[in-house]
Amino acid sequence: MLQKLDILKEEANTLVEQNLTAELFFDANTKRIILEEFKNLFPESSAVLQDGIIKITNSKNQSAYLPFNWFSRIRHCKNLINALIEYGNYSDILKRHLDDAVMRELPKIDWESNLSLESNTIISTFMDENFADDEDKERFSEFLDGRVWLDEKSDGLSGKKLNRTSEDYISSCITTICKLINDTAGKLDNFIKLYISSDLVKNLIDSCNVLTSTVSSGTNGFNVIYYGAPGTGKSNKIDELAPEENSIRTVFHSETQYSDFVGCLKPCMNGSDISYQFRPGPFTLALVKAVSDTEAHFYLIIEEINRAAAAAVFGDIFQLLDRRDDGRSQYAIDVVDMDFKHYLENNCPSLLVRGRLILPSNLSLLATMNSSDQAVMPMDSAFKRRWQFEYVSIESDTYPRGHFNLNAGADTLTVSWENLSKVINNQLAGVQIPEDRLLGPWFVNENELQNSQATLAGKLAMYLWEDVLRHAHRESIFNTDKYPTLYQLIKGINANEMVFSDSIIIELRKLVEPLTPAEA
């Protein structure tokens, strides 16, 4: 009997959401086997193992990296994948009876009403011949309709059509559910197809042990990076954990260097003379602060950690990020900068064990990152391995209070920021925009919403037009026929014209009541 796809899709969504930080353990032999299977399925990829992940290179010598732990998300969808494979087997048989042009339309919402009589007859006959149970016929009909396993969007359904291979359209469904940051150009799609096509890989993934990373709640030192879309409250989560008086905060940028982070020798005035002394950076200040009160816990907070070349900024001290069970550094490092060493000897000598530096157990490192930003730097796997990662979801129970008065053509809609952001996010998700590029609840604040028209023109439109939709799909949010450039769009917003697409307006009308002419 065919399984109910809506139930399995909900199960997959729930498992992915509840296990965003879960990781699978891959030993060297498992990675080698998966690599060989990947090369067999994608021989053109020039795949190799590099730093424990699969590196692929295309004909233009452009490289991409596929972390093995993407399989963790895929495994949460295995029941849905198995069910869709069975549906796909029947779909392949149906292809023999229907024209390719019809298969290019399926799945199609309300297909019975929207296909020709001839196509309806062929499909009905097919179901009568292949399914003895009426419930199976109904479920296969729902599969052809698509809404039980794909997401609806303004112009139909997400995902690929049934004229493609089953691996193609199953992968397009699972990619959406996996909600993976930084997936571009079908990289995740490759792993899903490998999982579907190779029984050996599927069995290996399904049998892998699960390692769930959770942020330490005790007093021992730990290293955590909070990641998610802009405006999700990553910094706020840190503020809830780290008291201001016990914190040193810094922001990384493209020019941040080791000397900025740790410290360096700088000139200073000594009366009328110029002398030189070691000026500590935020890392060294945090060390001194932690040593000053060993009964309290202290935090070094790094905002936007991936805006700089983080491994280079940390230099040799990233070796200190390996922690023992008590929170101290697993390994000590030799301090080769004599000015830095002298400063430590004078201010926190207890951290120098036989002249080698360690991190104290009462100092934790907390960082934020948004991998969708255009200015970010890649992190190497050796650096990332020393951090726990906690995903901050796009969803929230609280939003800034404020509203927008939007021209909807015949009337004006008063729309809360919560409703506007959710409608925009749904549209973006429908055109396969990754979640880390969507609008977080706190993308705008309440002060900005006091002048909502200026915020719409100067912040929201700029971000959506230039960053999120820079290369495609601007028409999904804005009326690009009338406003083909950002300049014209902003001019239209300032003139209170109808700048949003029809699909946005339709969705907003479902949520709000239009203003009367007198109210407008």
Protein backbone atom coordinates (compact mmCIF):
# COMPACT_ATOMS: atom_id res chain seq x y z
CA MET A 1 0.00 0.00 0.00
CA LEU A 2 1.21 3.50 -0.85
CA GLN A 3 2.10 5.65 2.14
CA LYS A 4 0.53 9.03 2.93
CA LEU A 5 2.98 11.63 1.72
CA ASP A 6 1.59 14.55 3.74
CA ILE A 7 2.24 12.70 7.00
CA LEU A 8 5.76 11.72 5.93
CA LYS A 9 6.55 15.25 4.76
CA GLU A 10 5.42 16.66 8.11
CA GLU A 11 7.54 14.04 9.90
CA ALA A 12 10.61 14.99 7.82
CA ASN A 13 10.11 18.71 8.46
CA THR A 14 9.76 18.09 12.20
CA LEU A 15 12.84 15.86 12.41
CA VAL A 16 14.97 18.36 10.51
CA GLU A 17 13.78 21.28 12.66
CA GLN A 18 14.35 19.37 15.92
CA ASN A 19 17.81 18.10 14.95
CA LEU A 20 19.45 21.06 13.23
CA THR A 21 22.65 20.64 15.27
CA ALA A 22 22.79 16.84 15.00
CA GLU A 23 25.91 15.41 13.36
CA LEU A 24 26.83 11.97 12.08
CA PHE A 25 30.12 10.27 12.81
CA PHE A 26 32.04 9.27 9.67
CA ASP A 27 35.24 7.30 10.03
CA ALA A 28 37.94 7.44 7.34
CA ASN A 29 36.82 4.20 5.66
CA THR A 30 33.18 5.36 5.42
CA LYS A 31 34.28 8.63 3.83
CA ARG A 32 36.45 6.76 1.34
CA ILE A 33 33.56 4.47 0.32
CA ILE A 34 31.16 7.40 -0.08
CA LEU A 35 33.73 9.27 -2.18
CA GLU A 36 34.17 6.29 -4.53
CA GLU A 37 30.39 5.94 -4.92
CA PHE A 38 30.13 9.69 -5.56
CA LYS A 39 32.79 9.48 -8.27
CA ASN A 40 30.95 6.56 -9.90
CA LEU A 41 27.69 8.52 -10.00
CA PHE A 42 29.24 11.89 -10.94
CA PRO A 43 32.43 11.04 -12.90
CA GLU A 44 32.64 14.57 -14.32
CA SER A 45 32.97 16.13 -10.84
CA SER A 46 36.71 15.38 -10.30
CA ALA A 47 35.82 14.64 -6.68
CA VAL A 48 38.55 14.29 -4.05
CA LEU A 49 38.72 14.27 -0.27
CA GLN A 50 40.14 17.51 1.15
CA ASP A 51 40.21 18.33 4.87
CA GLY A 52 37.66 15.61 5.54
CA ILE A 53 35.04 16.84 3.04
CA ILE A 54 34.37 16.18 -0.64
CA LYS A 55 35.75 18.79 -3.01
CA ILE A 56 34.34 18.86 -6.54
CA THR A 57 35.69 20.86 -9.49
CA ASN A 58 33.87 21.71 -12.71
CA SER A 59 35.18 22.20 -16.25
CA LYS A 60 35.85 25.90 -15.52
CA ASN A 61 38.09 24.93 -12.60
CA GLN A 62 35.53 26.24 -10.10
CA SER A 63 35.42 24.30 -6.84
CA ALA A 64 32.68 23.51 -4.33
CA TYR A 65 32.78 21.66 -1.02
CA LEU A 66 30.27 19.08 0.20
CA PRO A 67 30.41 18.40 3.97
CA PHE A 68 29.56 14.82 4.91
CA ASN A 69 27.23 16.00 7.66
CA TRP A 70 24.74 17.18 5.04
CA PHE A 71 23.74 13.52 5.09
CA SER A 72 22.39 14.08 8.61
CA ARG A 73 19.54 16.24 7.23
CA ILE A 74 18.95 13.81 4.37
CA ARG A 75 18.65 10.88 6.78
CA HIS A 76 15.88 12.65 8.67
CA CYS A 77 13.91 12.51 5.38
CA LYS A 78 14.54 8.83 4.67
CA ASN A 79 10.92 7.67 5.20
CA LEU A 80 9.66 10.31 2.78
CA ILE A 81 12.42 9.45 0.31
CA ASN A 82 11.58 5.72 0.43
CA ALA A 83 7.89 6.46 -0.11
CA LEU A 84 8.60 8.80 -3.04
CA ILE A 85 10.81 6.15 -4.65
CA GLU A 86 7.80 3.81 -4.66
CA TYR A 87 5.58 6.52 -6.14
CA GLY A 88 8.34 7.20 -8.67
CA ASN A 89 8.28 3.59 -9.83
CA TYR A 90 4.61 3.95 -10.73
CA SER A 91 5.28 7.36 -12.30
CA ASP A 92 7.90 5.76 -14.57
CA ILE A 93 5.27 3.27 -15.78
CA LEU A 94 2.78 6.11 -16.35
CA LYS A 95 5.35 7.84 -18.58
CA ARG A 96 4.96 5.03 -21.11
CA HIS A 97 1.29 5.92 -21.60
CA LEU A 98 1.29 9.74 -21.42
CA ASP A 99 2.86 12.23 -23.79
CA ASP A 100 5.98 13.94 -22.52
CA ALA A 101 4.17 17.29 -22.72
CA VAL A 102 1.63 16.06 -20.16
CA MET A 103 4.34 14.69 -17.83
CA ARG A 104 5.96 18.14 -18.01
CA GLU A 105 2.82 19.55 -16.40
CA LEU A 106 2.69 17.03 -13.54
CA PRO A 107 2.49 17.30 -10.61
CA LYS A 108 -0.26 19.85 -11.16
CA ILE A 109 -2.74 21.25 -8.64
CA ASP A 110 -6.25 19.93 -9.40
CA TRP A 111 -4.87 17.95 -12.32
CA GLU A 112 -8.24 16.33 -13.06
CA SER A 113 -9.72 19.75 -13.82
CA ASN A 114 -6.68 21.08 -15.64
CA LEU A 115 -5.67 18.22 -17.97
CA SER A 116 -7.43 17.18 -21.16
CA LEU A 117 -10.16 14.54 -21.15
CA GLU A 118 -7.85 12.17 -23.00
CA SER A 119 -5.10 12.55 -20.37
CA ASN A 120 -7.63 12.08 -17.57
CA THR A 121 -8.86 8.86 -19.18
CA ILE A 122 -5.32 7.49 -19.56
CA ILE A 123 -4.47 8.26 -15.91
CA SER A 124 -7.74 6.81 -14.60
CA THR A 125 -7.23 3.63 -16.63
CA PHE A 126 -3.65 3.39 -15.37
CA MET A 127 -4.76 3.67 -11.74
CA ASP A 128 -7.50 1.07 -12.23
CA GLU A 129 -4.98 -1.35 -13.71
CA ASN A 130 -2.23 -0.81 -11.12
CA PHE A 131 -4.11 -0.20 -7.85
CA ALA A 132 -6.76 -2.57 -6.55
CA ASP A 133 -7.30 -0.49 -3.41
CA ASP A 134 -9.30 2.77 -3.73
CA GLU A 135 -7.09 4.34 -1.05
CA ASP A 136 -4.00 3.74 -3.20
CA LYS A 137 -5.76 5.36 -6.16
CA GLU A 138 -6.56 8.40 -4.03
CA ARG A 139 -2.99 8.65 -2.76
CA PHE A 140 -1.50 8.39 -6.25
CA SER A 141 -3.94 11.07 -7.39
CA GLU A 142 -2.68 13.27 -4.52
CA PHE A 143 0.88 12.57 -5.67
CA LEU A 144 -0.03 13.85 -9.16
CA ASP A 145 -1.65 16.89 -7.54
CA GLY A 146 1.61 17.58 -5.69
CA ARG A 147 0.44 19.54 -2.67
CA VAL A 148 0.99 16.64 -0.25
CA TRP A 149 4.75 16.50 -0.95
CA LEU A 150 5.74 19.83 -2.52
CA ASP A 151 5.34 23.42 -1.34
CA GLU A 152 2.81 25.73 -2.94
CA LYS A 153 4.01 29.04 -4.34
CA SER A 154 2.31 31.88 -6.15
CA ASP A 155 2.59 30.34 -9.61
CA GLY A 156 2.05 26.68 -8.72
CA LEU A 157 4.34 24.23 -6.94
CA SER A 158 8.00 24.15 -6.00
CA GLY A 159 10.13 21.33 -7.37
CA LYS A 160 10.74 19.60 -10.67
CA LYS A 161 8.24 17.87 -12.94
CA LEU A 162 7.56 14.17 -13.44
CA ASN A 163 9.05 14.10 -16.94
CA ARG A 164 12.42 14.19 -15.17
CA THR A 165 14.01 11.18 -13.48
CA SER A 166 12.62 10.23 -10.08
CA GLU A 167 15.99 11.18 -8.52
CA ASP A 168 15.55 14.69 -9.91
CA TYR A 169 12.08 15.45 -8.59
CA ILE A 170 12.63 13.64 -5.27
CA SER A 171 15.83 15.65 -4.74
CA SER A 172 14.03 18.93 -5.41
CA CYS A 173 11.49 18.05 -2.70
CA ILE A 174 14.09 17.00 -0.12
CA THR A 175 16.35 20.00 -0.79
CA THR A 176 13.57 22.34 0.34
CA ILE A 177 12.93 20.35 3.53
CA CYS A 178 16.62 20.16 4.50
CA LYS A 179 16.91 23.94 5.03
CA LEU A 180 20.66 23.86 4.56
CA ILE A 181 22.66 27.03 4.75
CA ASN A 182 24.96 27.81 1.84
CA ASP A 183 23.57 25.22 -0.55
CA THR A 184 23.94 26.53 -4.09
CA ALA A 185 23.75 25.15 -7.61
CA GLY A 186 22.62 21.67 -6.65
CA LYS A 187 25.46 20.68 -4.32
CA LEU A 188 23.05 19.19 -1.80
CA ASP A 189 21.12 17.74 -4.72
CA ASN A 190 24.17 15.59 -5.54
CA PHE A 191 24.18 14.01 -2.08
CA ILE A 192 20.43 13.33 -2.19
CA LYS A 193 20.78 11.59 -5.57
CA LEU A 194 23.69 9.57 -4.19
CA TYR A 195 21.60 8.52 -1.20
CA ILE A 196 18.75 7.49 -3.50
CA SER A 197 20.87 5.74 -6.13
CA SER A 198 23.42 3.85 -4.05
CA ASP A 199 22.16 1.19 -1.65
CA LEU A 200 25.69 0.98 -0.23
CA VAL A 201 25.74 4.70 0.65
CA LYS A 202 22.16 4.57 1.94
CA ASN A 203 22.97 1.69 4.29
CA LEU A 204 26.14 3.43 5.50
CA ILE A 205 24.30 6.68 6.23
CA ASP A 206 21.38 4.97 7.94
CA SER A 207 23.78 3.07 10.23
CA CYS A 208 26.01 6.04 11.19
CA ASN A 209 26.13 6.99 14.84
CA VAL A 210 24.59 10.36 15.74
CA LEU A 211 26.56 12.99 17.64
CA THR A 212 24.33 15.82 18.86
CA SER A 213 26.09 19.10 19.64
CA THR A 214 24.49 21.08 22.44
CA VAL A 215 25.75 24.26 24.03
CA SER A 216 27.21 23.69 27.48
CA SER A 217 25.01 24.97 30.27
CA GLY A 218 27.61 24.50 33.01
CA THR A 219 30.48 26.72 34.07
CA ASN A 220 33.18 25.03 32.01
CA GLY A 221 34.57 26.85 28.99
CA PHE A 222 33.10 26.19 25.54
CA ASN A 223 33.17 27.64 22.02
CA VAL A 224 29.89 28.28 20.16
CA ILE A 225 28.99 29.93 16.87
CA TYR A 226 25.36 31.05 16.47
CA TYR A 227 24.31 31.16 12.83
CA GLY A 228 21.14 32.00 10.94
CA ALA A 229 19.43 34.59 8.75
CA PRO A 230 19.93 38.32 9.39
CA GLY A 231 17.64 39.58 12.12
CA THR A 232 16.96 36.25 13.84
CA GLY A 233 18.38 37.43 17.18
CA LYS A 234 21.80 35.77 17.21
CA SER A 235 23.38 38.57 19.23
CA ASN A 236 20.39 38.64 21.55
CA LYS A 237 20.88 34.94 22.36
CA ILE A 238 24.44 35.76 23.37
CA ASP A 239 23.26 38.70 25.50
CA GLU A 240 20.89 36.39 27.35
CA LEU A 241 23.79 34.07 28.18
CA ALA A 242 26.70 36.47 28.74
CA PRO A 243 26.38 39.37 31.27
CA GLU A 244 27.83 42.59 29.90
CA GLU A 245 30.12 43.08 32.88
CA ASN A 246 31.65 39.63 32.27
CA SER A 247 32.14 40.05 28.52
CA ILE A 248 34.63 41.41 26.02
CA ARG A 249 33.00 42.06 22.64
CA THR A 250 34.61 42.61 19.25
CA VAL A 251 33.50 42.63 15.62
CA PHE A 252 35.48 40.98 12.82
CA HIS A 253 35.76 42.67 9.43
CA SER A 254 37.69 42.07 6.24
CA GLU A 255 40.79 43.89 7.55
CA THR A 256 40.92 42.24 11.00
CA GLN A 257 44.31 40.66 11.66
CA TYR A 258 46.03 38.59 14.35
CA SER A 259 47.63 41.73 15.79
CA ASP A 260 44.19 43.36 16.18
CA PHE A 261 42.75 40.32 17.93
CA VAL A 262 45.65 39.37 20.22
CA GLY A 263 47.56 42.64 20.49
CA CYS A 264 50.83 44.12 19.34
CA LEU A 265 53.54 46.62 20.13
CA LYS A 266 52.35 50.18 19.52
CA PRO A 267 53.84 53.64 20.07
CA CYS A 268 52.71 55.71 23.04
CA MET A 269 53.70 59.02 24.61
CA ASN A 270 55.83 58.95 27.74
CA GLY A 271 55.90 62.60 28.66
CA SER A 272 57.48 64.28 25.67
CA ASP A 273 59.10 61.06 24.49
CA ILE A 274 57.74 58.33 22.28
CA SER A 275 58.00 54.80 23.62
CA TYR A 276 56.54 51.45 22.64
CA GLN A 277 54.42 49.08 24.68
CA PHE A 278 52.24 46.04 24.09
CA ARG A 279 48.60 47.00 23.58
CA PRO A 280 46.31 44.01 24.25
CA GLY A 281 43.57 43.05 21.80
CA PRO A 282 40.16 41.65 22.82
CA PHE A 283 41.49 38.08 23.12
CA THR A 284 44.19 39.11 25.59
CA LEU A 285 41.83 41.40 27.52
CA ALA A 286 39.42 38.46 27.92
CA LEU A 287 42.26 36.28 29.25
CA VAL A 288 43.19 38.91 31.85
CA LYS A 289 39.57 39.40 32.87
CA ALA A 290 39.01 35.66 33.34
CA VAL A 291 42.12 35.29 35.49
CA SER A 292 41.11 38.28 37.63
CA ASP A 293 38.11 36.39 39.07
CA THR A 294 38.32 32.62 38.78
CA GLU A 295 34.97 32.18 40.59
CA ALA A 296 33.05 33.93 37.77
CA HIS A 297 32.57 32.93 34.14
CA PHE A 298 33.69 35.25 31.36
CA TYR A 299 32.94 35.48 27.64
CA LEU A 300 34.82 36.65 24.58
CA ILE A 301 32.13 37.61 22.04
CA ILE A 302 33.01 37.82 18.34
CA GLU A 303 30.34 39.32 16.11
CA GLU A 304 30.43 38.44 12.39
CA ILE A 305 33.27 35.96 12.83
CA ASN A 306 33.28 34.95 9.17
CA ARG A 307 33.70 38.50 7.83
CA ALA A 308 37.43 38.03 8.44
CA ALA A 309 39.70 35.13 7.57
CA ALA A 310 39.03 33.66 11.01
CA ALA A 311 41.73 30.98 11.01
CA ALA A 312 44.35 33.59 10.08
CA VAL A 313 43.11 36.03 12.74
CA PHE A 314 43.35 33.33 15.41
CA GLY A 315 46.69 32.09 14.09
CA ASP A 316 48.34 29.58 16.42
CA ILE A 317 45.91 30.30 19.26
CA PHE A 318 43.11 28.40 17.50
CA GLN A 319 44.91 25.29 18.83
CA LEU A 320 43.74 26.44 22.28
CA LEU A 321 40.10 25.96 21.26
CA ASP A 322 40.31 22.20 21.84
CA ARG A 323 38.85 21.79 25.34
CA ARG A 324 39.27 19.21 28.07
CA ASP A 325 36.26 18.02 30.05
CA ASP A 326 36.91 20.72 32.67
CA GLY A 327 36.84 23.46 29.98
CA ARG A 328 40.58 24.22 29.94
CA SER A 329 42.61 23.95 26.75
CA GLN A 330 43.42 20.41 25.75
CA TYR A 331 46.73 21.62 24.31
CA ALA A 332 49.09 24.45 25.27
CA ILE A 333 51.01 26.57 22.76
CA ASP A 334 54.40 28.22 22.87
CA VAL A 335 54.16 31.99 22.94
CA VAL A 336 56.74 33.09 20.36
CA ASP A 337 55.85 36.81 20.44
CA MET A 338 58.04 38.00 23.32
CA ASP A 339 56.05 41.22 23.81
CA PHE A 340 52.85 39.20 24.15
CA LYS A 341 54.61 36.77 26.50
CA HIS A 342 55.90 39.56 28.74
CA TYR A 343 52.41 41.04 28.94
CA LEU A 344 50.99 37.65 30.00
CA GLU A 345 53.75 37.16 32.57
CA ASN A 346 52.88 40.52 34.12
CA ASN A 347 49.09 40.25 33.99
CA CYS A 348 48.05 36.57 33.99
CA PRO A 349 51.06 34.37 34.76
CA SER A 350 48.83 31.47 35.89
CA LEU A 351 47.92 30.84 32.22
CA LEU A 352 51.53 30.11 31.33
CA VAL A 353 52.26 26.49 32.16
CA ARG A 354 56.03 25.98 31.85
CA GLY A 355 56.02 28.99 29.55
CA ARG A 356 53.17 27.69 27.37
CA LEU A 357 49.74 29.35 27.08
CA ILE A 358 46.40 27.70 27.87
CA LEU A 359 42.79 28.92 27.94
CA PRO A 360 41.26 28.99 31.44
CA SER A 361 38.15 26.92 32.16
CA ASN A 362 36.12 30.02 33.04
CA LEU A 363 36.47 31.67 29.61
CA SER A 364 34.06 30.81 26.78
CA LEU A 365 34.10 32.07 23.20
CA LEU A 366 30.77 32.99 21.61
CA ALA A 367 30.43 34.12 18.00
CA THR A 368 27.80 35.00 15.41
CA MET A 369 27.83 34.46 11.67
CA ASN A 370 25.56 34.80 8.68
CA SER A 371 26.95 32.76 5.80
CA SER A 372 24.67 34.39 3.21
CA ASP A 373 26.40 37.78 3.38
CA GLN A 374 28.36 38.74 0.27
CA ALA A 375 31.38 39.82 2.33
CA VAL A 376 31.93 36.59 4.25
CA MET A 377 35.13 34.54 4.23
CA PRO A 378 35.10 30.73 4.10
CA MET A 379 36.14 28.82 7.23
CA ASP A 380 38.37 25.80 6.93
CA SER A 381 37.19 22.54 8.46
CA ALA A 382 40.01 22.36 11.02
CA PHE A 383 38.90 25.69 12.47
CA LYS A 384 35.18 24.83 12.40
CA ARG A 385 35.78 21.49 14.11
CA ARG A 386 36.75 23.30 17.30
CA TRP A 387 33.38 25.04 17.60
CA GLN A 388 29.86 23.97 18.39
CA PHE A 389 27.27 25.44 16.02
CA GLU A 390 23.80 26.47 17.11
CA TYR A 391 21.21 27.36 14.48
CA VAL A 392 18.94 30.35 15.24
CA SER A 393 15.64 29.77 13.47
CA ILE A 394 13.85 32.23 11.21
CA GLU A 395 10.70 31.68 13.29
CA SER A 396 9.97 33.62 16.48
CA ASP A 397 7.19 34.19 18.97
CA THR A 398 7.89 37.93 19.10
CA TYR A 399 8.27 40.59 16.40
CA PRO A 400 8.88 44.34 16.61
CA ARG A 401 5.63 46.26 16.78
CA GLY A 402 4.91 48.44 13.78
CA HIS A 403 3.08 48.46 10.45
CA PHE A 404 3.25 49.53 6.83
CA ASN A 405 0.48 51.28 4.85
CA LEU A 406 0.82 49.65 1.44
CA ASN A 407 -0.82 50.74 -1.79
CA ALA A 408 -2.72 47.69 -3.06
CA GLY A 409 -4.19 49.29 -6.17
CA ALA A 410 -7.84 49.87 -5.37
CA ASP A 411 -7.23 50.33 -1.64
CA THR A 412 -4.59 50.59 1.07
CA LEU A 413 -3.53 47.70 3.29
CA THR A 414 -2.27 48.24 6.83
CA VAL A 415 0.17 45.39 7.29
CA SER A 416 2.15 44.50 10.41
CA TRP A 417 5.87 43.84 10.05
CA GLU A 418 5.22 40.27 11.18
CA ASN A 419 2.73 39.61 8.38
CA LEU A 420 4.77 41.41 5.72
CA SER A 421 7.99 39.57 6.56
CA LYS A 422 6.23 36.19 6.65
CA VAL A 423 4.57 36.73 3.26
CA ILE A 424 7.86 37.88 1.70
CA ASN A 425 9.71 34.92 3.24
CA ASN A 426 7.13 32.47 1.87
CA GLN A 427 7.55 33.95 -1.61
CA LEU A 428 11.34 33.77 -1.36
CA ALA A 429 11.24 30.18 -0.15
CA GLY A 430 8.96 29.35 -3.08
CA VAL A 431 11.69 30.38 -5.53
CA GLN A 432 14.32 28.35 -3.65
CA ILE A 433 16.04 31.24 -1.83
CA PRO A 434 18.10 29.67 1.02
CA GLU A 435 16.74 30.30 4.51
CA ASP A 436 19.80 32.22 5.68
CA ARG A 437 18.91 34.97 3.16
CA LEU A 438 15.34 35.44 4.40
CA LEU A 439 14.09 38.18 6.73
CA GLY A 440 14.55 37.48 10.42
CA PRO A 441 11.95 38.80 12.89
CA TRP A 442 14.35 41.54 14.05
CA PHE A 443 15.67 42.54 10.63
CA VAL A 444 14.05 45.89 11.44
CA ASN A 445 13.49 47.31 14.93
CA GLU A 446 10.64 49.27 16.46
CA ASN A 447 12.40 52.62 16.03
CA GLU A 448 12.77 51.97 12.30
CA LEU A 449 9.11 51.00 12.07
CA GLN A 450 8.07 54.41 13.38
CA ASN A 451 8.97 55.67 9.89
CA SER A 452 8.02 52.51 8.03
CA GLN A 453 7.95 54.06 4.55
CA ALA A 454 11.56 55.21 4.86
CA THR A 455 12.52 51.77 6.22
CA LEU A 456 10.79 50.07 3.29
CA ALA A 457 12.58 52.28 0.76
CA GLY A 458 15.96 52.58 2.41
CA LYS A 459 16.58 49.22 4.08
CA LEU A 460 14.12 46.51 3.12
CA ALA A 461 13.97 47.20 -0.63
CA MET A 462 17.74 47.64 -0.85
CA TYR A 463 18.42 44.32 0.90
CA LEU A 464 15.90 42.35 -1.15
CA TRP A 465 16.82 43.92 -4.50
CA GLU A 466 20.62 44.08 -4.19
CA ASP A 467 21.43 41.11 -1.94
CA VAL A 468 18.71 38.46 -1.93
CA LEU A 469 17.38 38.83 -5.49
CA ARG A 470 20.48 40.25 -7.12
CA HIS A 471 20.64 37.60 -9.85
CA ALA A 472 17.02 36.41 -10.29
CA HIS A 473 13.41 36.35 -9.10
CA ARG A 474 12.92 40.06 -8.34
CA GLU A 475 9.50 39.74 -9.95
CA SER A 476 8.42 37.36 -7.18
CA ILE A 477 8.44 40.27 -4.71
CA PHE A 478 8.24 43.48 -6.74
CA ASN A 479 6.33 44.77 -9.78
CA THR A 480 9.39 44.72 -12.01
CA ASP A 481 7.38 45.50 -15.16
CA LYS A 482 6.70 48.98 -13.78
CA TYR A 483 9.83 49.28 -11.62
CA PRO A 484 12.72 47.58 -13.46
CA THR A 485 15.48 49.40 -11.52
CA LEU A 486 16.15 50.02 -7.84
CA TYR A 487 16.02 53.77 -8.40
CA GLN A 488 12.53 53.51 -9.90
CA LEU A 489 11.42 51.14 -7.14
CA ILE A 490 12.51 53.49 -4.35
CA LYS A 491 10.91 56.42 -6.18
CA GLY A 492 7.68 54.40 -6.35
CA ILE A 493 7.82 53.56 -2.64
CA ASN A 494 8.35 57.21 -1.70
CA ALA A 495 5.36 58.13 -3.90
CA ASN A 496 3.28 55.45 -2.12
CA GLU A 497 2.65 53.55 -5.36
CA MET A 498 1.84 49.84 -5.68
CA VAL A 499 5.37 48.46 -5.86
CA PHE A 500 4.82 44.86 -4.72
CA SER A 501 3.97 41.99 -7.07
CA ASP A 502 0.40 40.78 -7.46
CA SER A 503 1.23 37.55 -5.63
CA ILE A 504 2.47 39.48 -2.57
CA ILE A 505 -0.66 41.65 -2.54
CA ILE A 506 -2.93 38.59 -2.88
CA GLU A 507 -1.28 36.91 0.12
CA LEU A 508 -1.40 40.10 2.20
CA ARG A 509 -5.13 40.54 1.49
CA LYS A 510 -5.75 37.18 3.14
CA LEU A 511 -4.24 38.49 6.36
CA VAL A 512 -5.50 42.08 6.68
CA GLU A 513 -8.54 44.21 6.10
CA PRO A 514 -8.12 47.09 3.60
CA LEU A 515 -8.49 50.67 4.87
CA THR A 516 -11.53 52.65 3.85
CA PRO A 517 -10.85 55.73 1.68
CA ALA A 518 -11.42 57.92 4.77
CA GLU A 519 -8.93 55.90 6.85
CA ALA A 520 -6.36 55.92 4.05
